[in-house]
C-alpha cells in the first residue's frame, strides 16, 4: 500500500469521521482515499473546502461537535493554515493535521521529498505554545502513527501533526492492518465544572456542542469560563503556561522512539525517510561503532534520550533540510554534532552517511 493511503486507513481505523481538505501535491492521495471511503461509512463526512485556510477551520468546527477530524496538506497549504493552527492551540481543539512535506520555500518542488517544515510546525504560529509532531519512516508507521495521533489529540486536547514526507507518502510497502486499534477519547467535563478548568495534568475535560453544556470558545486570552480576559497579565500567563506545560511536562508519556546499540560511539539521530538509510548503514552494512536513535516523536523534543548513549563521541543528524533538528541536538549535548543536510528531493545514499562516520573519527 502507498504511504498516503496507509495514513488515510490509519485515520479511519482510529474513528476519524470528518475530513476537510484541499488537494495539494504530494498529499492529495490522502484526501482522494478519504473521499472514496468516507461516504460509505455511516456518520462520516468528507468535504473539500475552497482552500487550506477553510480546511483547517472546518476540522476545528467539526472537532467541537465531538467528531474525530483531520486534514492533509503540504508546504504552501501548511503555511496558510498557521493562523487557524494557533486558534486550535488556544481553544484546545483536538484534531489531526497530516503534512506530506515537499521541497520549498514557496511552491518549490511539488513532487520531491523534503523535511523543511520541521521548525515551522513547532514555531509557525505566533505566540508561545507547544505541539506534538510524529514522523513516520515507513508505510506501516504511516498507519500506526496516524491512528496514534488521534489518541494524543484527544488525550491532550491539542492539534497533533503527522510530519511525513513525499518519499514515505508515495512509497509502496507491505502493510499489516490490525483488526482494531486502541481508541482513547477525551475525558469528559464533570458536571458543575467550568469548560476550561484543567485537572492536575493541565488538560480540561471536553464538552462538545450539542450535549447541553454552555461553552464559549474564543482565540482571545480567556478565563476558565472561556470568556475573554485580554488585559489581565496574570490570566494570560496562567493560560499560556498551562497550554505549554500540559505538553512539555508529558514528554516521557508522548515520546515514541527506537534505540539501536546504546554503546555506540557514533550515533545517528534520525526521523522520517532518512531513517531508512541509517538502518541500511547500521543494521545491514553493520558499520563498526555505529548506532541510532529514531525519533517517531520529534516534538516535544525528547532530549533526555540523548543521554542514553554513554560512549558517544559524535551525534550524526541526517535530514532532508539544511540542519533543523541537528540544531536542537546541539542545544542539549556537549559532544560533537555533525549535521548531514540534503535538499533537492533525493534521499541520502549510504555512502554519504559512511563518510560522516569517517569525519567523526570512525575507523570505516
Protein backbone atom coordinates (compact mmCIF):
# COMPACT_ATOMS: atom_id res chain seq x y z
CA UNK A 1 0.00 0.00 0.00
CA UNK A 2 1.10 3.57 -0.61
CA UNK A 3 2.08 5.60 2.45
CA UNK A 4 -0.57 8.26 1.86
CA UNK A 5 -3.29 5.60 1.60
CA UNK A 6 -1.99 3.90 4.76
CA UNK A 7 -2.27 7.25 6.50
CA UNK A 8 -5.92 7.53 5.45
CA UNK A 9 -6.64 3.95 6.52
CA UNK A 10 -4.98 4.60 9.89
CA UNK A 11 -7.23 7.59 10.40
CA UNK A 12 -10.36 5.59 9.55
CA UNK A 13 -9.29 2.75 11.85
CA UNK A 14 -8.96 5.33 14.64
CA UNK A 15 -12.52 6.51 14.07
CA UNK A 16 -11.90 9.63 12.01
CA UNK A 17 -15.36 10.67 10.84
CA UNK A 18 -14.71 14.15 9.42
CA UNK A 19 -12.17 15.18 6.80
CA UNK A 20 -11.97 18.71 5.49
CA UNK A 21 -9.25 19.32 2.95
CA UNK A 22 -7.96 20.83 -0.24
CA UNK A 23 -5.83 18.89 -2.75
CA UNK A 24 -2.11 19.63 -2.92
CA UNK A 25 0.81 17.56 -4.18
CA UNK A 26 2.17 15.31 -2.69
CA UNK A 27 -0.61 14.76 -0.12
CA UNK A 28 -3.60 14.57 -2.47
CA UNK A 29 -3.95 10.78 -2.27
CA UNK A 30 -4.89 11.13 1.41
CA UNK A 31 -7.88 13.30 0.52
CA UNK A 32 -8.78 11.18 -2.52
CA UNK A 33 -8.89 8.00 -0.45
CA UNK A 34 -10.93 9.64 2.29
CA UNK A 35 -13.33 10.99 -0.36
CA UNK A 36 -13.79 7.46 -1.66
CA UNK A 37 -14.13 5.69 1.69
CA UNK A 38 -15.96 8.09 3.99
CA UNK A 39 -19.33 8.32 2.16
CA UNK A 40 -19.66 4.55 2.67
CA UNK A 41 -19.21 4.83 6.45
CA UNK A 42 -22.30 5.79 8.45
CA UNK A 43 -21.85 9.06 10.32
CA UNK A 44 -18.79 10.14 8.37
CA UNK A 45 -18.34 13.27 6.28
CA UNK A 46 -15.80 14.31 3.66
CA UNK A 47 -15.82 17.88 2.43
CA UNK A 48 -13.47 19.64 0.03
CA UNK A 49 -13.08 23.23 1.13
CA UNK A 50 -12.21 26.21 -1.04
CA UNK A 51 -8.67 26.46 0.32
CA UNK A 52 -6.39 25.36 3.15
CA UNK A 53 -7.45 28.20 5.47
CA UNK A 54 -11.04 26.97 5.31
CA UNK A 55 -9.93 23.34 5.62
CA UNK A 56 -8.28 23.97 8.97
CA UNK A 57 -11.28 25.99 10.14
CA UNK A 58 -13.62 23.16 9.12
CA UNK A 59 -11.84 20.47 11.13
CA UNK A 60 -11.76 22.74 14.18
CA UNK A 61 -15.51 23.25 13.93
CA UNK A 62 -16.12 19.53 13.43
CA UNK A 63 -13.99 18.66 16.46
CA UNK A 64 -16.22 20.85 18.62
CA UNK A 65 -19.19 18.69 17.68
CA UNK A 66 -17.31 15.65 19.00
CA UNK A 67 -16.02 14.41 15.65
CA UNK A 68 -12.56 12.96 15.18
CA UNK A 69 -11.39 15.33 12.47
CA UNK A 70 -8.39 15.51 10.14
CA UNK A 71 -6.95 17.41 7.22
CA UNK A 72 -3.93 16.81 4.98
CA UNK A 73 -1.69 19.24 3.14
CA UNK A 74 1.85 20.12 2.10
CA UNK A 75 4.17 23.12 2.43
CA UNK A 76 2.28 26.08 0.87
CA UNK A 77 -1.03 24.87 2.31
CA UNK A 78 0.61 24.35 5.70
CA UNK A 79 1.69 27.99 5.69
CA UNK A 80 -1.89 29.08 5.03
CA UNK A 81 -3.16 27.01 7.96
CA UNK A 82 -0.90 28.61 10.55
CA UNK A 83 -3.32 31.21 11.90
CA UNK A 84 -6.03 28.61 12.48
CA UNK A 85 -3.48 26.22 13.97
CA UNK A 86 -2.79 28.87 16.60
CA UNK A 87 -6.54 29.15 17.15
CA UNK A 88 -6.78 25.37 17.66
CA UNK A 89 -3.98 25.54 20.23
CA UNK A 90 -5.60 28.44 22.12
CA UNK A 91 -9.06 26.84 22.12
CA UNK A 92 -7.60 23.39 22.96
CA UNK A 93 -9.27 21.74 19.99
CA UNK A 94 -8.30 18.09 19.37
CA UNK A 95 -7.66 17.45 15.67
CA UNK A 96 -5.05 15.89 13.38
CA UNK A 97 -3.12 17.55 10.55
CA UNK A 98 -1.08 15.48 8.09
CA UNK A 99 1.75 17.29 6.29
CA UNK A 100 3.39 15.35 3.45
CA UNK A 101 6.45 17.59 3.14
CA UNK A 102 7.90 18.75 -0.18
CA UNK A 103 10.80 20.97 -1.22
CA UNK A 104 10.46 24.70 -0.54
CA UNK A 105 10.44 27.65 0.00
CA UNK A 106 7.25 28.75 -1.78
CA UNK A 107 5.93 26.25 -4.33
CA UNK A 108 9.43 24.78 -4.61
CA UNK A 109 9.45 21.10 -5.61
CA UNK A 110 5.88 19.77 -5.50
CA UNK A 111 6.82 16.20 -6.41
CA UNK A 112 10.04 15.85 -4.38
CA UNK A 113 10.61 14.91 -0.75
CA UNK A 114 11.84 17.20 2.00
CA UNK A 115 11.75 17.78 5.73
CA UNK A 116 11.82 21.56 5.57
CA UNK A 117 8.75 22.17 7.72
CA UNK A 118 10.10 20.79 10.99
CA UNK A 119 10.70 24.17 12.57
CA UNK A 120 7.57 25.67 11.05
CA UNK A 121 5.41 23.02 12.72
CA UNK A 122 6.97 23.90 16.08
CA UNK A 123 7.06 27.70 15.80
CA UNK A 124 4.95 28.61 12.74
CA UNK A 125 2.06 30.29 14.52
CA UNK A 126 2.72 33.32 16.71
CA UNK A 127 2.94 33.28 20.47
CA UNK A 128 4.19 30.74 22.98
CA UNK A 129 2.82 27.20 22.71
CA UNK A 130 3.89 23.58 22.41
CA UNK A 131 2.80 20.93 19.94
CA UNK A 132 3.02 17.20 19.26
CA UNK A 133 4.56 16.09 15.95
CA UNK A 134 5.07 12.50 14.80
CA UNK A 135 7.30 11.39 11.91
CA UNK A 136 6.81 8.07 10.09
CA UNK A 137 9.66 6.36 8.27
CA UNK A 138 7.65 3.55 6.64
CA UNK A 139 4.21 2.77 5.27
CA UNK A 140 3.46 0.78 8.43
CA UNK A 141 4.33 3.77 10.58
CA UNK A 142 2.08 5.98 8.42
CA UNK A 143 -0.83 3.79 9.52
CA UNK A 144 0.24 3.32 13.14
CA UNK A 145 1.27 6.90 13.89
CA UNK A 146 -1.80 8.42 12.24
CA UNK A 147 -4.01 6.28 14.45
CA UNK A 148 -1.91 7.26 17.46
CA UNK A 149 -2.18 10.94 16.57
CA UNK A 150 -5.92 10.92 17.22
CA UNK A 151 -5.44 9.48 20.70
CA UNK A 152 -2.80 12.08 21.51
CA UNK A 153 -5.03 14.87 20.21
CA UNK A 154 -7.89 13.75 22.45
CA UNK A 155 -5.66 12.99 25.42
CA UNK A 156 -4.06 16.44 25.45
CA UNK A 157 -6.77 18.49 23.72
CA UNK A 158 -4.41 19.83 21.10
CA UNK A 159 -3.78 19.65 17.36
CA UNK A 160 -1.36 16.81 16.56
CA UNK A 161 0.77 16.71 13.42
CA UNK A 162 1.90 13.79 11.28
CA UNK A 163 5.01 15.18 9.59
CA UNK A 164 5.66 12.70 6.80
CA UNK A 165 7.46 13.44 3.53
CA UNK A 166 6.96 12.72 -0.15
CA UNK A 167 9.38 9.78 -0.04
CA UNK A 168 7.30 7.94 2.55
CA UNK A 169 3.95 9.27 1.31
CA UNK A 170 4.44 7.87 -2.20
CA UNK A 171 6.34 4.72 -1.23
CA UNK A 172 4.62 1.35 -1.52
CA UNK A 173 5.35 -1.35 1.05
CA UNK A 174 3.65 -4.23 2.80
CA UNK A 175 1.18 -3.07 5.44
CA UNK A 176 -0.28 -5.15 8.25
CA UNK A 177 -3.66 -3.74 9.27
CA UNK A 178 -4.78 -4.86 12.74
CA UNK A 179 -8.34 -5.96 13.42
CA UNK A 180 -8.74 -2.88 15.61
CA UNK A 181 -6.70 -0.03 17.08
CA UNK A 182 -6.89 1.47 20.56
CA UNK A 183 -9.23 4.46 20.73
CA UNK A 184 -8.90 6.90 23.64
CA UNK A 185 -11.46 9.71 23.68
CA UNK A 186 -11.14 12.95 25.68
CA UNK A 187 -12.01 12.86 29.34
CA UNK A 188 -15.46 14.26 29.99
CA UNK A 189 -16.09 17.62 31.62
CA UNK A 190 -17.58 16.94 35.08
CA UNK A 191 -20.93 18.48 35.93
CA UNK A 192 -20.55 21.85 37.60
CA UNK A 193 -17.05 22.35 36.19
CA UNK A 194 -16.21 25.38 34.08
CA UNK A 195 -15.29 24.49 30.46
CA UNK A 196 -11.60 25.35 30.70
CA UNK A 197 -10.88 24.18 34.25
CA UNK A 198 -7.86 21.90 33.98
CA UNK A 199 -7.12 18.82 36.02
CA UNK A 200 -3.75 18.01 37.63
CA UNK A 201 -2.32 17.15 34.20
CA UNK A 202 -3.21 20.59 32.85
CA UNK A 203 -5.85 19.20 30.45
CA UNK A 204 -9.51 20.25 30.81
CA UNK A 205 -12.37 17.86 30.22
CA UNK A 206 -14.16 18.22 26.91
CA UNK A 207 -17.82 19.09 26.37
CA UNK A 208 -18.75 19.04 22.66
CA UNK A 209 -21.52 21.24 21.34
CA UNK A 210 -25.00 19.75 21.48
CA UNK A 211 -24.91 17.98 24.85
CA UNK A 212 -26.39 20.83 26.86
CA UNK A 213 -23.22 22.35 28.32
CA UNK A 214 -22.72 26.05 27.66
CA UNK A 215 -19.22 26.62 26.25
CA UNK A 216 -17.77 29.85 24.95
CA UNK A 217 -14.88 29.30 22.53
CA UNK A 218 -12.53 32.13 21.64
CA UNK A 219 -8.97 32.57 20.44
CA UNK A 220 -8.62 35.52 22.78
CA UNK A 221 -6.98 35.13 26.17
CA UNK A 222 -9.82 33.71 28.27
CA UNK A 223 -10.69 32.65 31.79
CA UNK A 224 -11.92 29.22 32.84
CA UNK A 225 -15.41 30.05 31.60
CA UNK A 226 -13.98 30.72 28.14
CA UNK A 227 -14.80 34.42 28.42
CA UNK A 228 -12.27 36.91 27.02
CA UNK A 229 -9.92 38.44 29.60
CA UNK A 230 -7.38 40.09 27.34
CA UNK A 231 -5.93 42.82 29.56
CA UNK A 232 -5.19 40.68 32.60
CA UNK A 233 -1.48 39.74 32.63
CA UNK A 234 -1.98 37.09 35.31
CA UNK A 235 -4.76 35.39 33.35
CA UNK A 236 -2.70 35.34 30.15
CA UNK A 237 0.39 33.98 31.90
CA UNK A 238 -1.58 31.26 33.67
CA UNK A 239 -3.38 30.18 30.50
CA UNK A 240 -0.40 30.12 28.16
CA UNK A 241 1.89 28.40 30.67
CA UNK A 242 -0.74 25.71 31.11
CA UNK A 243 -1.03 25.23 27.33
CA UNK A 244 2.75 24.78 27.16
CA UNK A 245 3.20 22.68 30.28
CA UNK A 246 0.46 20.16 29.54
CA UNK A 247 2.65 19.06 26.60
CA UNK A 248 6.15 19.69 27.91
CA UNK A 249 5.53 18.02 31.27
CA UNK A 250 4.30 14.87 29.50
CA UNK A 251 7.41 14.35 27.34
CA UNK A 252 8.00 10.84 28.70
CA UNK A 253 4.42 9.82 28.02
CA UNK A 254 4.44 11.27 24.50
CA UNK A 255 7.92 10.09 23.41
CA UNK A 256 8.00 7.34 20.79
CA UNK A 257 11.37 6.13 19.57
CA UNK A 258 13.70 3.27 18.74
CA UNK A 259 17.24 2.95 20.07
CA UNK A 260 19.80 0.60 18.49
CA UNK A 261 23.23 -0.01 20.08
CA UNK A 262 23.36 2.24 23.16
CA UNK A 263 27.11 1.60 23.43
CA UNK A 264 27.88 3.08 20.00
CA UNK A 265 30.46 5.82 19.64
CA UNK A 266 28.88 7.30 16.53
CA UNK A 267 25.13 7.73 16.89
CA UNK A 268 22.70 8.78 14.18
CA UNK A 269 19.71 10.84 15.28
CA UNK A 270 17.10 10.41 12.56
CA UNK A 271 13.43 10.73 11.73
CA UNK A 272 11.27 10.20 8.65
CA UNK A 273 12.71 8.97 5.36
CA UNK A 274 16.44 9.26 6.33
CA UNK A 275 15.81 6.52 8.93
CA UNK A 276 15.83 4.09 6.03
CA UNK A 277 19.39 4.95 5.01
CA UNK A 278 20.51 4.88 8.64
CA UNK A 279 19.10 1.38 9.05
CA UNK A 280 20.92 0.30 5.89
CA UNK A 281 24.23 1.59 7.31
CA UNK A 282 23.81 0.33 10.89
CA UNK A 283 21.60 -2.75 10.64
CA UNK A 284 22.54 -4.24 7.27
CA UNK A 285 26.03 -2.93 6.45
CA UNK A 286 26.98 -3.07 10.16
CA UNK A 287 29.44 -0.17 10.04
CA UNK A 288 31.52 -0.51 13.25
CA UNK A 289 30.73 1.51 16.40
CA UNK A 290 27.50 2.92 14.98
CA UNK A 291 24.01 3.07 16.45
CA UNK A 292 20.96 5.22 16.11
CA UNK A 293 18.10 6.98 17.81
CA UNK A 294 15.00 7.01 15.61
CA UNK A 295 12.58 9.72 16.66
CA UNK A 296 8.98 8.84 15.88
CA UNK A 297 8.01 11.78 18.08
CA UNK A 298 10.11 14.83 17.21
CA UNK A 299 8.09 17.43 19.16
CA UNK A 300 8.18 17.76 22.09
CA UNK A 301 11.84 17.04 21.53
CA UNK A 302 12.90 14.17 23.86
CA UNK A 303 16.33 15.47 24.77
CA UNK A 304 16.73 13.04 27.68
CA UNK A 305 17.11 10.22 25.13
CA UNK A 306 20.43 11.69 24.02
CA UNK A 307 21.81 10.71 27.42
CA UNK A 308 21.15 7.03 26.72
CA UNK A 309 24.46 6.71 24.82
CA UNK A 310 27.26 6.72 27.44
CA UNK A 311 30.12 6.18 24.96
CA UNK A 312 29.02 8.57 22.25
CA UNK A 313 31.75 10.66 20.64
CA UNK A 314 29.59 12.27 17.96
CA UNK A 315 25.94 12.53 17.01
CA UNK A 316 25.27 12.47 13.27
CA UNK A 317 21.97 14.00 12.15
CA UNK A 318 20.89 13.25 8.56
CA UNK A 319 17.93 15.39 7.46
CA UNK A 320 16.25 16.41 4.22
CA UNK A 321 16.80 20.05 5.08
CA UNK A 322 19.85 22.15 5.88
CA UNK A 323 20.02 21.17 9.54
CA UNK A 324 16.90 21.88 11.59
CA UNK A 325 16.77 19.15 14.22
CA UNK A 326 20.58 18.98 14.35
CA UNK A 327 20.43 22.41 16.00
CA UNK A 328 18.05 21.00 18.58
CA UNK A 329 20.52 18.18 19.28
CA UNK A 330 23.35 20.71 19.64
CA UNK A 331 21.39 22.54 22.34
CA UNK A 332 21.40 19.51 24.63
CA UNK A 333 24.77 17.77 24.26
CA UNK A 334 28.42 18.61 24.82
CA UNK A 335 29.86 16.20 22.24
CA UNK A 336 30.32 16.90 18.57
CA UNK A 337 27.21 17.11 16.39
CA UNK A 338 27.61 16.52 12.65
CA UNK A 339 24.64 17.70 10.55
CA UNK A 340 24.19 15.92 7.23
CA UNK A 341 21.68 18.12 5.47
CA UNK A 342 20.47 17.25 2.00
CA UNK A 343 18.00 19.19 -0.13
CA UNK A 344 16.82 18.78 -3.71
CA UNK A 345 14.44 15.89 -3.09
CA UNK A 346 16.75 12.88 -3.02
CA UNK A 347 17.37 10.67 0.00
CA UNK A 348 20.88 10.28 1.47
CA UNK A 349 22.79 7.38 -0.10
CA UNK A 350 24.60 5.10 2.40
CA UNK A 351 27.99 6.37 1.22
CA UNK A 352 27.15 9.87 2.44
CA UNK A 353 26.45 8.64 5.95
CA UNK A 354 29.52 6.41 5.99
CA UNK A 355 31.58 9.48 5.07
CA UNK A 356 30.03 11.30 8.03
CA UNK A 357 31.17 8.48 10.33
CA UNK A 358 34.70 8.87 8.93
CA UNK A 359 34.57 12.63 9.58
CA UNK A 360 33.51 11.87 13.16
CA UNK A 361 36.63 9.72 13.58
CA UNK A 362 35.25 6.29 12.85
CA UNK A 363 37.51 3.55 11.53
CA UNK A 364 35.47 2.60 8.48
